[in-house]
Amino acid sequence: MIYLNGDWLPIEEAKVSVLDRGFIFGDGVYEYVPVIRGRPYRLDGHLARLANSCREIGLKNPYSDARWTELVHEIARRNGPHDQGVYWQVTRGVARRDHAFPKDVEPTVFMMSNPLPQLTPAQVEDGVACYTVPDTRWHRCHIKSISLLGNVLARQFASERGGVEAIMLRDGHLSEASASNVFCVIDGRLVSPPKDHLMLGGITLDGVWELAAANGVPREMRRVSEVELRAADEIWLSSSSKGVVAVTRLDDVPVGHASHRGRPGPLFRRMYQWIWADMYGNTLPKAAE
């Protein structure tokens, strides 16, 4: 079942006008939240980011946080019993095609959910391959826009080469991946790029950052050069659908220090346990010895 403008119906029966500005212009924003054992993971962060995305593009947020929360729970319940990944988007609505914003138009709200993807045991144990691409997107990447062509083309580049993600570089520095944030372990410190207009601040990124602090991991949010990325002791991806996963090959070159080159590193293995506990509601484990 999906939700569309107040109605619950099978996805096969859902219809949106061809004049919807989401279809015509990509004029809208979206969110995606895991619902695990009936509990949306860090939903407050997702709702705050949705509100910010709406403000940034001058789009009316159609529902209160309380109403969004009800809908997230309800769609996960209707499509369960498995853990769900809930996707929703808000577009500016249906109007005559014109670049300028229409007046007195109601936003279009669409929600769906699917079983939550899981990393395979091989991906957790062995890590994944990624490829770098130039970040040629616009300069407002902090907005979670449905206009994702740049991200799509980057991911396609990596996919055609057997990679799971494309890691983007802008002006010689790391920005993010096509659908993930990126962390590096450099000289024993966890490092990630600043949350500015050149990347989307991930909710799972916030979780990783908090868990690192809680477990005494030195951390630093700053610009990361391409040279540092390629020489990093460890590289990770984080996202709402993945949690965290280690990058063990970058542009066909093994990642990491000699002791674990081409394998997930020791700090990743600890963080994987912590983020799993955080996502699945278990007691936060102590840092591994």
C-alpha atoms as a PDB file:
ATOM      1  CA  MET A   1       0.000   0.000   0.000  1.00  0.00           C
ATOM      2  CA  ILE A   2       1.085   3.563  -0.687  1.00  0.00           C
ATOM      3  CA  TYR A   3      -0.125   6.932   0.566  1.00  0.00           C
ATOM      4  CA  LEU A   4      -1.000   9.647  -1.931  1.00  0.00           C
ATOM      5  CA  ASN A   5      -2.581  12.959  -0.942  1.00  0.00           C
ATOM      6  CA  GLY A   6      -4.609  11.547   1.922  1.00  0.00           C
ATOM      7  CA  ASP A   7      -5.546   8.192   0.392  1.00  0.00           C
ATOM      8  CA  TRP A   8      -4.240   4.673   0.989  1.00  0.00           C
ATOM      9  CA  LEU A   9      -4.264   2.521  -2.135  1.00  0.00           C
ATOM     10  CA  PRO A  10      -2.325  -0.151  -4.044  1.00  0.00           C
ATOM     11  CA  ILE A  11       0.622   1.299  -5.923  1.00  0.00           C
ATOM     12  CA  GLU A  12      -0.866   0.058  -9.199  1.00  0.00           C
ATOM     13  CA  GLU A  13      -3.826   2.386  -8.700  1.00  0.00           C
ATOM     14  CA  ALA A  14      -1.800   5.486  -7.811  1.00  0.00           C
ATOM     15  CA  LYS A  15      -1.917   8.320 -10.328  1.00  0.00           C
ATOM     16  CA  VAL A  16      -0.189  11.696 -10.426  1.00  0.00           C
ATOM     17  CA  SER A  17      -0.855  14.367 -13.026  1.00  0.00           C
ATOM     18  CA  VAL A  18       1.728  14.790 -15.786  1.00  0.00           C
ATOM     19  CA  LEU A  19       1.633  18.490 -14.855  1.00  0.00           C
ATOM     20  CA  ASP A  20       2.884  17.811 -11.348  1.00  0.00           C
ATOM     21  CA  ARG A  21       5.967  19.984 -10.879  1.00  0.00           C
ATOM     22  CA  GLY A  22       7.846  17.019  -9.471  1.00  0.00           C
ATOM     23  CA  PHE A  23       7.432  15.313 -12.852  1.00  0.00           C
ATOM     24  CA  ILE A  24       8.003  18.410 -14.974  1.00  0.00           C
ATOM     25  CA  PHE A  25      10.785  20.170 -13.038  1.00  0.00           C
ATOM     26  CA  GLY A  26      11.957  17.815 -10.294  1.00  0.00           C
ATOM     27  CA  ASP A  27      10.495  20.508  -8.018  1.00  0.00           C
ATOM     28  CA  GLY A  28      10.290  18.738  -4.692  1.00  0.00           C
ATOM     29  CA  VAL A  29      12.105  17.196  -1.748  1.00  0.00           C
ATOM     30  CA  TYR A  30      12.154  13.776  -0.130  1.00  0.00           C
ATOM     31  CA  GLU A  31      13.162  11.709   2.890  1.00  0.00           C
ATOM     32  CA  TYR A  32      13.908   8.056   3.619  1.00  0.00           C
ATOM     33  CA  VAL A  33      13.835   6.532   7.082  1.00  0.00           C
ATOM     34  CA  PRO A  34      14.366   2.945   8.274  1.00  0.00           C
ATOM     35  CA  VAL A  35      11.628   1.560  10.514  1.00  0.00           C
ATOM     36  CA  ILE A  36      13.239  -1.212  12.541  1.00  0.00           C
ATOM     37  CA  ARG A  37      11.140  -3.418  14.819  1.00  0.00           C
ATOM     38  CA  GLY A  38       8.431  -0.785  14.572  1.00  0.00           C
ATOM     39  CA  ARG A  39      10.757   2.076  15.552  1.00  0.00           C
ATOM     40  CA  PRO A  40      11.715   4.764  13.013  1.00  0.00           C
ATOM     41  CA  TYR A  41      15.463   5.312  13.304  1.00  0.00           C
ATOM     42  CA  ARG A  42      16.317   8.898  14.316  1.00  0.00           C
ATOM     43  CA  LEU A  43      13.036  10.175  12.914  1.00  0.00           C
ATOM     44  CA  ASP A  44      13.436  13.594  14.547  1.00  0.00           C
ATOM     45  CA  GLY A  45      16.542  14.174  12.447  1.00  0.00           C
ATOM     46  CA  HIS A  46      14.749  13.209   9.257  1.00  0.00           C
ATOM     47  CA  LEU A  47      11.823  15.507  10.026  1.00  0.00           C
ATOM     48  CA  ALA A  48      14.155  18.410  10.803  1.00  0.00           C
ATOM     49  CA  ARG A  49      15.987  17.847   7.524  1.00  0.00           C
ATOM     50  CA  LEU A  50      12.688  17.677   5.628  1.00  0.00           C
ATOM     51  CA  ALA A  51      11.587  20.966   7.151  1.00  0.00           C
ATOM     52  CA  ASN A  52      14.903  22.554   6.215  1.00  0.00           C
ATOM     53  CA  SER A  53      14.696  21.251   2.628  1.00  0.00           C
ATOM     54  CA  CYS A  54      11.183  22.693   2.312  1.00  0.00           C
ATOM     55  CA  ARG A  55      12.312  26.076   3.644  1.00  0.00           C
ATOM     56  CA  GLU A  56      15.308  26.145   1.317  1.00  0.00           C
ATOM     57  CA  ILE A  57      13.134  25.830  -1.793  1.00  0.00           C
ATOM     58  CA  GLY A  58      10.175  27.885  -0.520  1.00  0.00           C
ATOM     59  CA  LEU A  59       7.859  24.864  -0.378  1.00  0.00           C
ATOM     60  CA  LYS A  60       5.051  24.552   2.140  1.00  0.00           C
ATOM     61  CA  ASN A  61       5.590  21.604   4.471  1.00  0.00           C
ATOM     62  CA  PRO A  62       2.099  20.096   4.329  1.00  0.00           C
ATOM     63  CA  TYR A  63       2.102  18.247   7.667  1.00  0.00           C
ATOM     64  CA  SER A  64       3.217  18.728  11.232  1.00  0.00           C
ATOM     65  CA  ASP A  65       5.934  16.520  12.675  1.00  0.00           C
ATOM     66  CA  ALA A  66       3.248  14.674  14.625  1.00  0.00           C
ATOM     67  CA  ARG A  67       1.299  13.896  11.442  1.00  0.00           C
ATOM     68  CA  TRP A  68       4.438  12.771   9.571  1.00  0.00           C
ATOM     69  CA  THR A  69       5.238  10.482  12.501  1.00  0.00           C
ATOM     70  CA  GLU A  70       1.772   8.921  12.350  1.00  0.00           C
ATOM     71  CA  LEU A  71       2.106   8.328   8.615  1.00  0.00           C
ATOM     72  CA  VAL A  72       5.554   6.760   8.887  1.00  0.00           C
ATOM     73  CA  HIS A  73       4.313   4.319  11.525  1.00  0.00           C
ATOM     74  CA  GLU A  74       1.128   3.563   9.599  1.00  0.00           C
ATOM     75  CA  ILE A  75       2.742   2.825   6.237  1.00  0.00           C
ATOM     76  CA  ALA A  76       5.339   0.587   7.878  1.00  0.00           C
ATOM     77  CA  ARG A  77       2.553  -1.268   9.704  1.00  0.00           C
ATOM     78  CA  ARG A  78       0.536  -1.723   6.529  1.00  0.00           C
ATOM     79  CA  ASN A  79       3.508  -3.083   4.599  1.00  0.00           C
ATOM     80  CA  GLY A  80       5.175  -5.097   7.387  1.00  0.00           C
ATOM     81  CA  PRO A  81       5.825  -7.277   9.278  1.00  0.00           C
ATOM     82  CA  HIS A  82       9.432  -6.962   8.123  1.00  0.00           C
ATOM     83  CA  ASP A  83      11.563  -3.921   8.859  1.00  0.00           C
ATOM     84  CA  GLN A  84      10.739  -1.239   6.318  1.00  0.00           C
ATOM     85  CA  GLY A  85      12.485   1.562   4.493  1.00  0.00           C
ATOM     86  CA  VAL A  86       9.932   4.378   4.259  1.00  0.00           C
ATOM     87  CA  TYR A  87      10.325   6.838   1.391  1.00  0.00           C
ATOM     88  CA  TRP A  88       8.270   9.984   1.010  1.00  0.00           C
ATOM     89  CA  GLN A  89       8.369  13.057  -1.161  1.00  0.00           C
ATOM     90  CA  VAL A  90       6.635  16.406  -1.338  1.00  0.00           C
ATOM     91  CA  THR A  91       6.379  18.276  -4.626  1.00  0.00           C
ATOM     92  CA  ARG A  92       5.107  21.783  -5.231  1.00  0.00           C
ATOM     93  CA  GLY A  93       1.946  20.342  -6.794  1.00  0.00           C
ATOM     94  CA  VAL A  94       0.055  20.464 -10.085  1.00  0.00           C
ATOM     95  CA  ALA A  95       0.004  23.643 -12.178  1.00  0.00           C
ATOM     96  CA  ARG A  96       0.394  24.980 -15.692  1.00  0.00           C
ATOM     97  CA  ARG A  97       3.986  24.565 -16.823  1.00  0.00           C
ATOM     98  CA  ASP A  98       5.845  27.721 -15.902  1.00  0.00           C
ATOM     99  CA  HIS A  99       9.189  28.093 -14.180  1.00  0.00           C
ATOM    100  CA  ALA A 100       7.838  30.602 -11.648  1.00  0.00           C
ATOM    101  CA  PHE A 101       6.112  29.184  -8.579  1.00  0.00           C
ATOM    102  CA  PRO A 102       2.345  28.826  -8.960  1.00  0.00           C
ATOM    103  CA  LYS A 103       0.048  30.406  -6.382  1.00  0.00           C
ATOM    104  CA  ASP A 104      -2.565  28.619  -4.264  1.00  0.00           C
ATOM    105  CA  VAL A 105      -1.450  25.100  -5.248  1.00  0.00           C
ATOM    106  CA  GLU A 106      -1.486  22.232  -2.772  1.00  0.00           C
ATOM    107  CA  PRO A 107       1.694  20.162  -2.497  1.00  0.00           C
ATOM    108  CA  THR A 108       1.618  16.566  -3.683  1.00  0.00           C
ATOM    109  CA  VAL A 109       2.511  14.055  -0.953  1.00  0.00           C
ATOM    110  CA  PHE A 110       3.550  10.512  -1.859  1.00  0.00           C
ATOM    111  CA  MET A 111       4.761   7.799   0.528  1.00  0.00           C
ATOM    112  CA  MET A 112       5.780   4.181   0.007  1.00  0.00           C
ATOM    113  CA  SER A 113       7.725   1.557   1.895  1.00  0.00           C
ATOM    114  CA  ASN A 114       9.642  -1.582   1.041  1.00  0.00           C
ATOM    115  CA  PRO A 115      11.495  -4.205   3.055  1.00  0.00           C
ATOM    116  CA  LEU A 116      14.610  -2.604   4.484  1.00  0.00           C
ATOM    117  CA  PRO A 117      17.714  -3.559   2.465  1.00  0.00           C
ATOM    118  CA  GLN A 118      20.396  -5.449   4.363  1.00  0.00           C
ATOM    119  CA  LEU A 119      24.124  -5.615   3.767  1.00  0.00           C
ATOM    120  CA  THR A 120      25.216  -9.109   2.798  1.00  0.00           C
ATOM    121  CA  PRO A 121      27.590 -10.981   5.117  1.00  0.00           C
ATOM    122  CA  ALA A 122      30.258 -10.668   2.408  1.00  0.00           C
ATOM    123  CA  GLN A 123      29.839  -6.880   2.280  1.00  0.00           C
ATOM    124  CA  VAL A 124      30.220  -6.629   6.052  1.00  0.00           C
ATOM    125  CA  GLU A 125      33.177  -9.002   6.241  1.00  0.00           C
ATOM    126  CA  ASP A 126      35.015  -8.038   3.054  1.00  0.00           C
ATOM    127  CA  GLY A 127      33.901  -4.463   2.417  1.00  0.00           C
ATOM    128  CA  VAL A 128      32.899  -3.010  -0.939  1.00  0.00           C
ATOM    129  CA  ALA A 129      34.459  -1.435  -4.015  1.00  0.00           C
ATOM    130  CA  CYS A 130      33.908   2.214  -4.971  1.00  0.00           C
ATOM    131  CA  TYR A 131      35.006   4.496  -7.775  1.00  0.00           C
ATOM    132  CA  THR A 132      35.726   8.213  -7.721  1.00  0.00           C
ATOM    133  CA  VAL A 133      33.990  10.696 -10.004  1.00  0.00           C
ATOM    134  CA  PRO A 134      34.113  14.477 -10.373  1.00  0.00           C
ATOM    135  CA  ASP A 135      31.345  16.172  -8.397  1.00  0.00           C
ATOM    136  CA  THR A 136      29.689  18.269 -11.106  1.00  0.00           C
ATOM    137  CA  ARG A 137      26.392  18.837  -9.288  1.00  0.00           C
ATOM    138  CA  TRP A 138      24.925  22.185  -8.268  1.00  0.00           C
ATOM    139  CA  HIS A 139      26.058  24.059  -5.149  1.00  0.00           C
ATOM    140  CA  ARG A 140      23.005  23.381  -2.965  1.00  0.00           C
ATOM    141  CA  CYS A 141      23.579  19.722  -2.182  1.00  0.00           C
ATOM    142  CA  HIS A 142      22.408  20.206   1.423  1.00  0.00           C
ATOM    143  CA  ILE A 143      18.827  20.177   0.059  1.00  0.00           C
ATOM    144  CA  LYS A 144      17.418  16.655  -0.223  1.00  0.00           C
ATOM    145  CA  SER A 145      15.983  17.351  -3.659  1.00  0.00           C
ATOM    146  CA  ILE A 146      14.210  14.821  -5.863  1.00  0.00           C
ATOM    147  CA  SER A 147      16.337  16.205  -8.735  1.00  0.00           C
ATOM    148  CA  LEU A 148      18.978  13.482  -8.545  1.00  0.00           C
ATOM    149  CA  LEU A 149      20.310  13.156 -12.094  1.00  0.00           C
ATOM    150  CA  GLY A 150      23.868  14.019 -11.060  1.00  0.00           C
ATOM    151  CA  ASN A 151      23.793  11.350  -8.352  1.00  0.00           C
ATOM    152  CA  VAL A 152      22.224   8.836 -10.731  1.00  0.00           C
ATOM    153  CA  LEU A 153      24.933   9.329 -13.367  1.00  0.00           C
ATOM    154  CA  ALA A 154      27.662   9.021 -10.739  1.00  0.00           C
ATOM    155  CA  ARG A 155      26.212   5.777  -9.362  1.00  0.00           C
ATOM    156  CA  GLN A 156      25.818   4.398 -12.882  1.00  0.00           C
ATOM    157  CA  PHE A 157      29.505   5.041 -13.553  1.00  0.00           C
ATOM    158  CA  ALA A 158      30.448   3.011 -10.487  1.00  0.00           C
ATOM    159  CA  SER A 159      27.868   0.300 -11.124  1.00  0.00           C
ATOM    160  CA  GLU A 160      29.133  -0.340 -14.646  1.00  0.00           C
ATOM    161  CA  ARG A 161      32.556  -1.083 -13.146  1.00  0.00           C
ATOM    162  CA  GLY A 162      31.263  -3.364 -10.395  1.00  0.00           C
ATOM    163  CA  GLY A 163      31.287  -0.765  -7.617  1.00  0.00           C
ATOM    164  CA  VAL A 164      28.530  -0.177  -5.086  1.00  0.00           C
ATOM    165  CA  GLU A 165      29.063   3.578  -4.812  1.00  0.00           C
ATOM    166  CA  ALA A 166      30.600   6.592  -6.535  1.00  0.00           C
ATOM    167  CA  ILE A 167      32.702   8.800  -4.257  1.00  0.00           C
ATOM    168  CA  MET A 168      32.625  12.394  -5.455  1.00  0.00           C
ATOM    169  CA  LEU A 169      35.536  14.823  -5.585  1.00  0.00           C
ATOM    170  CA  ARG A 170      35.151  18.563  -6.037  1.00  0.00           C
ATOM    171  CA  ASP A 171      38.136  20.872  -6.522  1.00  0.00           C
ATOM    172  CA  GLY A 172      40.511  18.229  -5.193  1.00  0.00           C
ATOM    173  CA  HIS A 173      38.484  17.471  -2.061  1.00  0.00           C
ATOM    174  CA  LEU A 174      36.032  14.808  -0.910  1.00  0.00           C
ATOM    175  CA  SER A 175      32.371  15.814  -0.845  1.00  0.00           C
ATOM    176  CA  GLU A 176      30.214  12.668  -0.466  1.00  0.00           C
ATOM    177  CA  ALA A 177      29.098   9.566  -2.360  1.00  0.00           C
ATOM    178  CA  SER A 178      26.136   9.338  -4.728  1.00  0.00           C
ATOM    179  CA  ALA A 179      23.789   8.147  -1.948  1.00  0.00           C
ATOM    180  CA  SER A 180      26.030   8.008   1.125  1.00  0.00           C
ATOM    181  CA  ASN A 181      28.266  10.077   3.334  1.00  0.00           C
ATOM    182  CA  VAL A 182      31.967   9.202   3.505  1.00  0.00           C
ATOM    183  CA  PHE A 183      34.324   8.871   6.486  1.00  0.00           C
ATOM    184  CA  CYS A 184      38.079   8.401   6.543  1.00  0.00           C
ATOM    185  CA  VAL A 185      40.316   7.155   9.321  1.00  0.00           C
ATOM    186  CA  ILE A 186      43.497   9.239   9.172  1.00  0.00           C
ATOM    187  CA  ASP A 187      46.251   8.896  11.790  1.00  0.00           C
ATOM    188  CA  GLY A 188      43.826   7.309  14.236  1.00  0.00           C
ATOM    189  CA  ARG A 189      41.184  10.032  13.865  1.00  0.00           C
ATOM    190  CA  LEU A 190      37.750   9.693  12.303  1.00  0.00           C
ATOM    191  CA  VAL A 191      37.440  12.462   9.711  1.00  0.00           C
ATOM    192  CA  SER A 192      34.548  13.556   7.493  1.00  0.00           C
ATOM    193  CA  PRO A 193      33.832  16.640   5.368  1.00  0.00           C
ATOM    194  CA  PRO A 194      32.006  19.605   6.920  1.00  0.00           C
ATOM    195  CA  LYS A 195      28.219  19.707   6.704  1.00  0.00           C
ATOM    196  CA  ASP A 196      27.896  22.582   4.285  1.00  0.00           C
ATOM    197  CA  HIS A 197      26.144  23.320   0.991  1.00  0.00           C
ATOM    198  CA  LEU A 198      28.370  20.885  -0.926  1.00  0.00           C
ATOM    199  CA  MET A 199      26.997  17.737   0.710  1.00  0.00           C
ATOM    200  CA  LEU A 200      23.830  16.329   2.224  1.00  0.00           C
ATOM    201  CA  GLY A 201      24.128  16.035   5.985  1.00  0.00           C
ATOM    202  CA  GLY A 202      23.152  12.436   6.673  1.00  0.00           C
ATOM    203  CA  ILE A 203      21.133  11.367   9.690  1.00  0.00           C
ATOM    204  CA  THR A 204      23.218   8.193   9.989  1.00  0.00           C
ATOM    205  CA  LEU A 205      26.307  10.399   9.699  1.00  0.00           C
ATOM    206  CA  ASP A 206      25.074  12.177  12.842  1.00  0.00           C
ATOM    207  CA  GLY A 207      24.647   8.790  14.494  1.00  0.00           C
ATOM    208  CA  VAL A 208      28.189   7.716  13.641  1.00  0.00           C
ATOM    209  CA  TRP A 209      29.527  11.041  14.911  1.00  0.00           C
ATOM    210  CA  GLU A 210      27.693  10.709  18.233  1.00  0.00           C
ATOM    211  CA  LEU A 211      28.738   7.080  18.708  1.00  0.00           C
ATOM    212  CA  ALA A 212      32.359   7.937  18.024  1.00  0.00           C
ATOM    213  CA  ALA A 213      32.222  10.650  20.690  1.00  0.00           C
ATOM    214  CA  ALA A 214      30.485   8.347  23.181  1.00  0.00           C
ATOM    215  CA  ASN A 215      33.225   5.734  22.749  1.00  0.00           C
ATOM    216  CA  GLY A 216      36.185   8.078  22.927  1.00  0.00           C
ATOM    217  CA  VAL A 217      37.138   7.992  19.250  1.00  0.00           C
ATOM    218  CA  PRO A 218      39.071  11.115  18.197  1.00  0.00           C
ATOM    219  CA  ARG A 219      37.123  12.834  15.416  1.00  0.00           C
ATOM    220  CA  GLU A 220      37.409  15.842  13.185  1.00  0.00           C
ATOM    221  CA  MET A 221      34.982  17.421  10.718  1.00  0.00           C
ATOM    222  CA  ARG A 222      37.019  19.228   8.063  1.00  0.00           C
ATOM    223  CA  ARG A 223      37.850  19.239   4.385  1.00  0.00           C
ATOM    224  CA  VAL A 224      39.518  16.033   3.199  1.00  0.00           C
ATOM    225  CA  SER A 225      41.831  16.223   0.206  1.00  0.00           C
ATOM    226  CA  GLU A 226      41.878  13.625  -2.543  1.00  0.00           C
ATOM    227  CA  VAL A 227      45.437  12.750  -1.493  1.00  0.00           C
ATOM    228  CA  GLU A 228      44.257  12.089   2.077  1.00  0.00           C
ATOM    229  CA  LEU A 229      41.314  10.028   0.849  1.00  0.00           C
ATOM    230  CA  ARG A 230      43.504   7.751  -1.227  1.00  0.00           C
ATOM    231  CA  ALA A 231      46.047   7.344   1.579  1.00  0.00           C
ATOM    232  CA  ALA A 232      43.487   6.823   4.378  1.00  0.00           C
ATOM    233  CA  ASP A 233      43.859   3.900   6.779  1.00  0.00           C
ATOM    234  CA  GLU A 234      40.137   3.211   6.439  1.00  0.00           C
ATOM    235  CA  ILE A 235      37.236   4.546   4.352  1.00  0.00           C
ATOM    236  CA  TRP A 236      33.573   4.038   5.256  1.00  0.00           C
ATOM    237  CA  LEU A 237      30.188   4.815   3.792  1.00  0.00           C
ATOM    238  CA  SER A 238      27.132   5.625   5.882  1.00  0.00           C
ATOM    239  CA  SER A 239      23.461   5.907   4.949  1.00  0.00           C
ATOM    240  CA  SER A 240      20.009   5.158   6.306  1.00  0.00           C
ATOM    241  CA  SER A 241      19.759   2.014   4.186  1.00  0.00           C
ATOM    242  CA  LYS A 242      23.316   0.704   4.781  1.00  0.00           C
ATOM    243  CA  GLY A 243      24.185   1.790   8.307  1.00  0.00           C
ATOM    244  CA  VAL A 244      27.948   1.700   7.794  1.00  0.00           C
ATOM    245  CA  VAL A 245      30.044  -0.323   5.364  1.00  0.00           C
ATOM    246  CA  ALA A 246      33.793  -0.344   4.759  1.00  0.00           C
ATOM    247  CA  VAL A 247      35.270   0.645   1.405  1.00  0.00           C
ATOM    248  CA  THR A 248      38.114  -1.794   0.773  1.00  0.00           C
ATOM    249  CA  ARG A 249      38.879  -0.993  -2.872  1.00  0.00           C
ATOM    250  CA  LEU A 250      38.923   2.479  -4.390  1.00  0.00           C
ATOM    251  CA  ASP A 251      39.406   2.794  -8.143  1.00  0.00           C
ATOM    252  CA  ASP A 252      40.607  -0.840  -8.149  1.00  0.00           C
ATOM    253  CA  VAL A 253      43.302  -0.115  -5.534  1.00  0.00           C
ATOM    254  CA  PRO A 254      43.136  -1.808  -2.095  1.00  0.00           C
ATOM    255  CA  VAL A 255      42.397   0.592   0.765  1.00  0.00           C
ATOM    256  CA  GLY A 256      44.110   0.696   4.105  1.00  0.00           C
ATOM    257  CA  HIS A 257      47.128   0.202   6.277  1.00  0.00           C
ATOM    258  CA  ALA A 258      49.407  -2.780   5.599  1.00  0.00           C
ATOM    259  CA  SER A 259      47.897  -4.719   8.526  1.00  0.00           C
ATOM    260  CA  HIS A 260      44.439  -4.749   6.944  1.00  0.00           C
ATOM    261  CA  ARG A 261      45.028  -3.602   3.368  1.00  0.00           C
ATOM    262  CA  GLY A 262      42.009  -4.451   1.244  1.00  0.00           C
ATOM    263  CA  ARG A 263      40.020  -5.516   4.348  1.00  0.00           C
ATOM    264  CA  PRO A 264      37.749  -3.645   6.779  1.00  0.00           C
ATOM    265  CA  GLY A 265      39.846  -1.943   9.439  1.00  0.00           C
ATOM    266  CA  PRO A 266      39.670  -2.289  13.225  1.00  0.00           C
ATOM    267  CA  LEU A 267      37.808   0.977  13.864  1.00  0.00           C
ATOM    268  CA  PHE A 268      35.172   0.068  11.285  1.00  0.00           C
ATOM    269  CA  ARG A 269      34.538  -3.260  12.999  1.00  0.00           C
ATOM    270  CA  ARG A 270      33.897  -1.456  16.271  1.00  0.00           C
ATOM    271  CA  MET A 271      31.665   1.181  14.656  1.00  0.00           C
ATOM    272  CA  TYR A 272      29.662  -1.492  12.851  1.00  0.00           C
ATOM    273  CA  GLN A 273      28.779  -3.020  16.232  1.00  0.00           C
ATOM    274  CA  TRP A 274      27.872   0.360  17.717  1.00  0.00           C
ATOM    275  CA  ILE A 275      25.705   1.509  14.821  1.00  0.00           C
ATOM    276  CA  TRP A 276      23.969  -1.880  14.672  1.00  0.00           C
ATOM    277  CA  ALA A 277      23.111  -1.580  18.357  1.00  0.00           C
ATOM    278  CA  ASP A 278      21.927   1.994  17.854  1.00  0.00           C
ATOM    279  CA  MET A 279      19.719   1.110  14.889  1.00  0.00           C
ATOM    280  CA  TYR A 280      18.282  -2.097  16.320  1.00  0.00           C
ATOM    281  CA  GLY A 281      17.627  -0.805  19.824  1.00  0.00           C
ATOM    282  CA  ASN A 282      20.084  -2.960  21.717  1.00  0.00           C
ATOM    283  CA  THR A 283      22.228  -1.756  24.576  1.00  0.00           C
ATOM    284  CA  LEU A 284      25.162   0.195  23.199  1.00  0.00           C
ATOM    285  CA  PRO A 285      28.170  -2.141  23.471  1.00  0.00           C
ATOM    286  CA  LYS A 286      31.415  -0.997  25.002  1.00  0.00           C
ATOM    287  CA  ALA A 287      34.299  -0.357  22.650  1.00  0.00           C
ATOM    288  CA  ALA A 288      35.956  -3.608  21.603  1.00  0.00           C
ATOM    289  CA  GLU A 289      39.335  -4.291  23.123  1.00  0.00           C
END
